Amino acid sequence: MISVTGVSKRFGDFQALDDVSLEVPEGSLTALLGPSGSGKSTLLRIVAGLEAPDAGDVVIDGRNQTGVPAQRREIGFVFQHYAAFKHMSVRENVAFGLKIRKRPKAEIAARVDELLGIVGLSGYQDRYPSQLSGGQRQRMALARALAVEPRVLLLDEPFGALDANVRADLRRWLRRLHEEVPVTTVIVTHDQEEAMEITDRIAVMHDGRIAQVGPPRELYEQPADDFVMSFLGPVSRLGEQLVRPHDLRITADARDGALEAMVTRVVHLGFEVRVELVLGDGASLAVQVTRGEAEALELRSGDIVWVASDRPAGEAFTALRSGGAPDAPLSV
């Protein structure tokens, strides 16, 4: 388990982290999610021992690691840009940490073969990093990090340098890998879909603080505030409320609570259809409907329709706001 308590970090005039407390359960896969400058990478580097906090403590498996050097924390770290040894083969890259620890040759060979099989690189052991695809190099980096059997695995935007299709494949692969090798894992990402798809818990960060933490579905359906709601998926504003596009309904006739709108565009996205509207006050609005609903309404640009929310999003986080901020570290 990772326990971060009261951690703050400043770089010059910039407050990167402001009294952050967080708990990550053993064996979980947790995302630190937020926009650039929110503090997520700084927090990860402090857990790894690559940065020292100005205040606060980092405890891993019951041991205070705040002043312990990175190389003694038993942590595996994977960066966005692989950090592979170009002059070493795949086998030598994966074995590097074990050789430094002077493990027996037979143990090293067995461990490397096992990991190459797990990450799908059996048969590639004699290739060099330049002979691998981006996705294969990242899987090699993960195998190298896992080789020393770390207590914690930290991933800093590991798929950020890859194209969309490779990223999607590796996300699914990482989830399967975690189920097979359930090391306590924290991944930094600014990709909401990535965090929602592969993790057990998400800690949303904003301006150096944790805005909300919990399972992906809970954060999506019960956001603590407007920032969390707008950062986790698409939103539209209807009057004074932020609502999800799929929680809006379009009708051809007026009904209680509905607002009049004009269709400006209908975008077909397979089974789903995005209907873009403009309200009477000039505000734009996007509604997500099924293909069947769109066909039944026979929507065309210029049509006048009525739109209302079936589930006002404001109701989802009113209770959380009224409860105030918790005193104890947020558990993820």
Protein backbone atom coordinates (compact mmCIF):
# COMPACT_ATOMS: atom_id res chain seq x y z
CA MET A 1 0.00 0.00 0.00
CA ILE A 2 1.11 3.55 -0.72
CA SER A 3 0.22 6.27 1.78
CA VAL A 4 0.94 9.90 0.93
CA THR A 5 0.29 12.37 3.76
CA GLY A 6 0.39 16.17 3.59
CA VAL A 7 2.78 16.33 0.65
CA SER A 8 3.61 19.77 -0.76
CA LYS A 9 6.11 20.76 -3.44
CA ARG A 10 7.02 24.14 -4.87
CA PHE A 11 9.23 24.95 -7.87
CA GLY A 12 10.15 28.62 -7.53
CA ASP A 13 6.87 30.55 -7.54
CA PHE A 14 4.87 27.55 -8.79
CA GLN A 15 3.01 25.44 -6.21
CA ALA A 16 3.07 22.01 -7.87
CA LEU A 17 1.50 20.13 -4.92
CA ASP A 18 -0.47 21.63 -2.06
CA ASP A 19 -0.97 19.44 1.03
CA VAL A 20 -1.84 16.26 -0.91
CA SER A 21 -2.91 13.13 0.99
CA LEU A 22 -3.75 9.89 -0.77
CA GLU A 23 -3.90 6.17 -0.06
CA VAL A 24 -3.47 3.50 -2.74
CA PRO A 25 -4.48 -0.05 -1.67
CA GLU A 26 -2.14 -2.96 -2.20
CA GLY A 27 -2.55 -4.69 -5.56
CA SER A 28 -4.68 -1.93 -7.11
CA LEU A 29 -4.25 -0.23 -10.48
CA THR A 30 -4.78 3.49 -9.89
CA ALA A 31 -4.65 6.48 -12.23
CA LEU A 32 -3.51 9.99 -11.41
CA LEU A 33 -5.58 11.91 -13.93
CA GLY A 34 -5.55 15.60 -14.65
CA PRO A 35 -4.58 18.35 -17.09
CA SER A 36 -1.03 19.55 -17.63
CA GLY A 37 0.28 21.33 -14.56
CA SER A 38 -2.13 19.62 -12.16
CA GLY A 39 0.71 17.96 -10.20
CA LYS A 40 0.22 14.33 -11.18
CA SER A 41 3.74 13.66 -12.51
CA THR A 42 5.31 15.54 -9.58
CA LEU A 43 3.36 13.36 -7.14
CA LEU A 44 4.48 10.21 -8.97
CA ARG A 45 8.13 11.33 -8.91
CA ILE A 46 7.92 12.03 -5.18
CA VAL A 47 6.54 8.53 -4.56
CA ALA A 48 9.40 7.15 -6.68
CA GLY A 49 12.04 9.15 -4.80
CA LEU A 50 13.03 11.14 -7.88
CA GLU A 51 11.86 14.37 -6.22
CA ALA A 52 11.93 15.32 -2.54
CA PRO A 53 8.79 16.89 -1.03
CA ASP A 54 8.99 20.23 0.75
CA ALA A 55 6.63 18.80 3.38
CA GLY A 56 4.80 15.53 4.05
CA ASP A 57 5.57 11.82 4.05
CA VAL A 58 5.48 8.85 1.68
CA VAL A 59 4.91 5.46 3.30
CA ILE A 60 5.09 2.23 1.28
CA ASP A 61 4.02 -1.05 2.88
CA GLY A 62 4.20 0.52 6.33
CA ARG A 63 7.73 1.91 5.94
CA ASN A 64 8.40 5.64 5.69
CA GLN A 65 10.29 6.19 2.42
CA THR A 66 10.44 9.99 2.45
CA GLY A 67 14.21 10.23 2.83
CA VAL A 68 15.08 6.92 1.17
CA PRO A 69 16.93 7.12 -2.20
CA ALA A 70 15.00 5.97 -5.27
CA GLN A 71 17.23 2.94 -5.86
CA ARG A 72 16.41 1.58 -2.39
CA ARG A 73 12.61 1.90 -2.60
CA GLU A 74 12.01 -1.33 -4.55
CA ILE A 75 10.00 0.55 -7.16
CA GLY A 76 9.69 -0.12 -10.87
CA PHE A 77 9.40 3.04 -12.98
CA VAL A 78 8.38 3.24 -16.65
CA PHE A 79 8.74 6.53 -18.50
CA GLN A 80 6.97 7.74 -21.62
CA HIS A 81 10.14 7.43 -23.69
CA TYR A 82 11.23 3.88 -22.86
CA ALA A 83 14.77 4.79 -21.60
CA ALA A 84 16.10 1.60 -23.21
CA PHE A 85 19.79 0.76 -23.45
CA LYS A 86 20.24 0.97 -27.24
CA HIS A 87 23.42 -1.11 -27.31
CA MET A 88 21.79 -3.99 -25.40
CA SER A 89 19.47 -6.67 -26.74
CA VAL A 90 15.94 -7.12 -25.42
CA ARG A 91 17.16 -9.92 -23.14
CA GLU A 92 20.00 -7.78 -21.80
CA ASN A 93 17.70 -4.81 -21.20
CA VAL A 94 15.23 -6.91 -19.21
CA ALA A 95 18.03 -8.63 -17.28
CA PHE A 96 19.86 -5.40 -16.39
CA GLY A 97 18.35 -4.84 -12.95
CA LEU A 98 18.85 -8.46 -11.96
CA LYS A 99 22.52 -8.37 -12.99
CA ILE A 100 23.07 -5.22 -10.94
CA ARG A 101 21.65 -7.13 -7.97
CA LYS A 102 24.06 -9.99 -8.72
CA ARG A 103 21.40 -12.67 -9.03
CA PRO A 104 22.54 -16.14 -10.20
CA LYS A 105 22.75 -16.51 -13.99
CA ALA A 106 20.25 -19.37 -14.07
CA GLU A 107 17.74 -17.35 -12.06
CA ILE A 108 18.20 -14.35 -14.37
CA ALA A 109 17.70 -16.45 -17.50
CA ALA A 110 14.55 -18.09 -16.11
CA ARG A 111 13.07 -14.78 -14.93
CA VAL A 112 13.75 -13.03 -18.24
CA ASP A 113 12.23 -15.88 -20.27
CA GLU A 114 9.17 -15.85 -18.01
CA LEU A 115 8.65 -12.10 -18.39
CA LEU A 116 9.22 -12.06 -22.14
CA GLY A 117 6.48 -14.67 -22.39
CA ILE A 118 4.14 -12.63 -20.19
CA VAL A 119 4.63 -9.42 -22.20
CA GLY A 120 4.43 -11.20 -25.56
CA LEU A 121 8.06 -10.78 -26.61
CA SER A 122 9.15 -14.43 -26.75
CA GLY A 123 11.28 -14.77 -29.87
CA TYR A 124 12.40 -11.14 -29.74
CA GLN A 125 15.06 -11.59 -27.05
CA ASP A 126 18.04 -11.14 -29.41
CA ARG A 127 16.71 -8.00 -31.12
CA TYR A 128 17.81 -4.49 -30.25
CA PRO A 129 15.41 -1.67 -29.28
CA SER A 130 15.78 -0.04 -32.70
CA GLN A 131 14.39 -3.25 -34.24
CA LEU A 132 11.17 -3.10 -32.21
CA SER A 133 7.98 -1.13 -32.75
CA GLY A 134 7.02 1.56 -30.24
CA GLY A 135 4.52 -0.75 -28.56
CA GLN A 136 7.08 -3.56 -28.33
CA ARG A 137 9.67 -1.22 -26.79
CA GLN A 138 7.17 -0.15 -24.16
CA ARG A 139 6.35 -3.77 -23.33
CA MET A 140 10.08 -4.41 -23.00
CA ALA A 141 10.32 -1.46 -20.60
CA LEU A 142 7.51 -2.92 -18.51
CA ALA A 143 9.20 -6.32 -18.43
CA ARG A 144 12.44 -4.68 -17.29
CA ALA A 145 10.61 -2.83 -14.50
CA LEU A 146 8.89 -6.03 -13.35
CA ALA A 147 12.03 -8.16 -13.49
CA VAL A 148 13.25 -7.08 -10.05
CA GLU A 149 9.84 -7.87 -8.50
CA PRO A 150 9.12 -4.33 -7.30
CA ARG A 151 6.71 -3.60 -4.47
CA VAL A 152 5.24 -0.78 -6.56
CA LEU A 153 5.09 -0.10 -10.31
CA LEU A 154 4.88 3.55 -11.40
CA LEU A 155 4.01 4.48 -14.99
CA ASP A 156 4.43 8.07 -16.19
CA GLU A 157 2.37 8.62 -19.37
CA PRO A 158 3.66 5.24 -20.67
CA PHE A 159 1.66 5.30 -23.91
CA GLY A 160 1.79 9.03 -24.62
CA ALA A 161 4.33 8.76 -27.46
CA LEU A 162 2.35 6.08 -29.35
CA ASP A 163 -0.34 6.45 -31.99
CA ALA A 164 -4.00 6.02 -31.10
CA ASN A 165 -4.42 2.42 -32.31
CA VAL A 166 -1.29 1.16 -30.56
CA ARG A 167 -2.29 3.04 -27.38
CA ALA A 168 -5.70 1.36 -27.38
CA ASP A 169 -4.13 -2.10 -27.79
CA LEU A 170 -1.59 -1.48 -25.03
CA ARG A 171 -4.26 -0.23 -22.62
CA ARG A 172 -6.11 -3.53 -22.89
CA TRP A 173 -2.83 -5.43 -22.67
CA LEU A 174 -1.79 -3.55 -19.50
CA ARG A 175 -5.09 -4.42 -17.82
CA ARG A 176 -4.57 -8.11 -18.61
CA LEU A 177 -0.96 -7.90 -17.43
CA HIS A 178 -2.03 -6.38 -14.13
CA GLU A 179 -4.51 -9.19 -13.56
CA GLU A 180 -1.73 -11.72 -14.16
CA VAL A 181 0.94 -9.82 -12.19
CA PRO A 182 -1.04 -7.80 -9.59
CA VAL A 183 1.68 -5.38 -8.48
CA THR A 184 0.42 -2.17 -6.83
CA THR A 185 0.46 0.13 -9.85
CA VAL A 186 0.00 3.88 -10.30
CA ILE A 187 -0.28 5.32 -13.80
CA VAL A 188 -0.13 9.02 -14.67
CA THR A 189 -2.28 10.05 -17.61
CA HIS A 190 -4.21 12.99 -19.00
CA ASP A 191 -6.28 10.61 -21.16
CA GLN A 192 -9.72 10.21 -19.56
CA GLU A 193 -10.65 7.20 -21.68
CA GLU A 194 -7.42 5.46 -20.72
CA ALA A 195 -8.04 6.01 -17.02
CA MET A 196 -11.69 4.94 -17.24
CA GLU A 197 -10.91 1.78 -19.22
CA ILE A 198 -8.05 0.16 -17.35
CA THR A 199 -7.97 1.31 -13.72
CA ASP A 200 -9.66 0.28 -10.48
CA ARG A 201 -9.55 3.80 -9.05
CA ILE A 202 -8.93 7.30 -10.34
CA ALA A 203 -7.56 10.29 -8.44
CA VAL A 204 -8.47 13.43 -10.38
CA MET A 205 -5.94 16.22 -9.79
CA HIS A 206 -6.41 19.94 -10.29
CA ASP A 207 -4.11 22.84 -9.35
CA GLY A 208 -1.88 20.71 -7.16
CA ARG A 209 -4.70 19.13 -5.19
CA ILE A 210 -6.85 16.01 -5.45
CA ALA A 211 -10.31 17.04 -6.59
CA GLN A 212 -11.94 13.61 -6.16
CA VAL A 213 -10.97 9.96 -5.92
CA GLY A 214 -12.91 6.74 -6.43
CA PRO A 215 -13.89 4.03 -8.94
CA PRO A 216 -14.27 5.27 -12.54
CA ARG A 217 -18.03 4.77 -12.63
CA GLU A 218 -18.53 6.64 -9.35
CA LEU A 219 -16.53 9.64 -10.55
CA TYR A 220 -18.37 9.70 -13.87
CA GLU A 221 -21.86 9.41 -12.38
CA GLN A 222 -21.28 11.30 -9.11
CA PRO A 223 -18.71 14.03 -9.81
CA ALA A 224 -17.75 16.15 -6.81
CA ASP A 225 -17.82 19.41 -8.76
CA ASP A 226 -18.02 20.98 -12.20
CA PHE A 227 -14.30 20.46 -12.87
CA VAL A 228 -14.44 16.70 -12.28
CA MET A 229 -17.58 16.36 -14.34
CA SER A 230 -16.23 18.35 -17.28
CA PHE A 231 -12.87 16.55 -17.19
CA LEU A 232 -14.37 13.04 -17.12
CA GLY A 233 -16.27 12.86 -20.37
CA PRO A 234 -18.29 15.22 -22.54
CA VAL A 235 -20.68 17.73 -20.99
CA SER A 236 -23.26 20.22 -22.20
CA ARG A 237 -24.67 23.19 -20.35
CA LEU A 238 -28.45 23.38 -20.09
CA GLY A 239 -29.45 26.54 -18.27
CA GLU A 240 -27.41 26.62 -15.05
CA GLN A 241 -26.54 22.92 -15.07
CA LEU A 242 -23.86 20.78 -16.64
CA VAL A 243 -25.33 17.59 -18.06
CA ARG A 244 -24.04 14.59 -19.98
CA PRO A 245 -25.09 14.57 -23.65
CA HIS A 246 -26.62 11.10 -23.22
CA ASP A 247 -28.79 12.38 -20.34
CA LEU A 248 -30.56 14.83 -22.66
CA ARG A 249 -33.71 14.01 -24.62
CA ILE A 250 -35.03 15.59 -27.79
CA THR A 251 -38.73 15.72 -28.61
CA ALA A 252 -40.65 17.18 -31.51
CA ASP A 253 -43.20 18.75 -29.15
CA ALA A 254 -42.90 20.94 -26.08
CA ARG A 255 -42.97 19.33 -22.64
CA ASP A 256 -42.51 20.55 -19.07
CA GLY A 257 -39.01 21.85 -18.41
CA ALA A 258 -37.95 21.58 -22.06
CA LEU A 259 -36.21 24.37 -23.96
CA GLU A 260 -36.76 25.21 -27.58
CA ALA A 261 -33.76 24.67 -29.84
CA MET A 262 -32.77 24.51 -33.49
CA VAL A 263 -30.81 21.61 -35.00
CA THR A 264 -27.58 22.88 -36.56
CA ARG A 265 -25.91 19.56 -37.40
CA VAL A 266 -26.53 15.81 -37.17
CA VAL A 267 -23.36 13.68 -36.92
CA HIS A 268 -23.68 9.91 -37.35
CA LEU A 269 -21.11 7.97 -35.27
CA GLY A 270 -22.12 4.36 -35.92
CA PHE A 271 -24.78 3.33 -33.42
CA GLU A 272 -24.72 6.75 -31.78
CA VAL A 273 -25.74 10.07 -33.26
CA ARG A 274 -24.58 13.48 -32.01
CA VAL A 275 -27.15 16.20 -32.51
CA GLU A 276 -25.80 19.73 -32.31
CA LEU A 277 -28.31 22.37 -31.28
CA VAL A 278 -28.49 26.09 -30.65
CA LEU A 279 -30.79 27.40 -27.92
CA GLY A 280 -32.87 30.55 -28.01
CA ASP A 281 -30.20 32.51 -26.13
CA GLY A 282 -27.56 31.50 -28.68
CA ALA A 283 -25.89 28.85 -26.52
CA SER A 284 -24.70 25.69 -28.26
CA LEU A 285 -25.65 22.25 -26.98
CA ALA A 286 -24.76 18.67 -27.98
CA VAL A 287 -27.13 15.74 -27.44
CA GLN A 288 -26.26 12.07 -27.85
CA VAL A 289 -29.06 9.82 -29.12
CA THR A 290 -29.27 6.39 -30.68
CA ARG A 291 -29.51 5.92 -34.41
CA GLY A 292 -33.07 4.65 -33.95
CA GLU A 293 -34.08 7.74 -31.98
CA ALA A 294 -32.57 10.01 -34.62
CA GLU A 295 -34.36 8.17 -37.42
CA ALA A 296 -37.69 8.32 -35.56
CA LEU A 297 -37.36 12.08 -35.12
CA GLU A 298 -36.19 12.50 -38.75
CA LEU A 299 -33.80 15.22 -37.62
CA ARG A 300 -32.48 17.69 -40.17
CA SER A 301 -30.49 20.89 -39.89
CA GLY A 302 -32.86 23.80 -39.31
CA ASP A 303 -35.52 21.71 -37.50
CA ILE A 304 -37.06 23.21 -34.36
CA VAL A 305 -37.10 20.74 -31.47
CA TRP A 306 -37.38 20.68 -27.68
CA VAL A 307 -34.65 19.46 -25.36
CA ALA A 308 -34.69 18.58 -21.67
CA SER A 309 -32.57 16.63 -19.18
CA ASP A 310 -33.76 13.27 -17.89
CA ARG A 311 -31.14 13.36 -15.15
CA PRO A 312 -29.81 16.78 -14.19
CA ALA A 313 -26.15 16.35 -13.38
CA GLY A 314 -26.31 18.86 -10.55
CA GLU A 315 -28.20 16.32 -8.47
CA ALA A 316 -25.25 13.93 -8.71
CA PHE A 317 -22.80 16.04 -6.76
CA THR A 318 -24.97 18.21 -4.51
CA ALA A 319 -24.69 15.64 -1.71
CA LEU A 320 -20.92 15.42 -2.05
CA ARG A 321 -20.57 19.20 -1.87
CA SER A 322 -22.70 19.47 1.25
CA GLY A 323 -20.63 16.86 3.03
CA GLY A 324 -17.45 18.95 2.97
CA ALA A 325 -13.91 17.80 2.44
CA PRO A 326 -12.77 14.68 4.30
CA ASP A 327 -10.20 15.05 7.07
CA ALA A 328 -8.54 11.69 6.49
CA PRO A 329 -6.40 10.85 3.43
CA LEU A 330 -8.51 9.95 0.43
CA SER A 331 -8.44 6.22 -0.17
CA VAL A 332 -8.25 4.88 -3.68
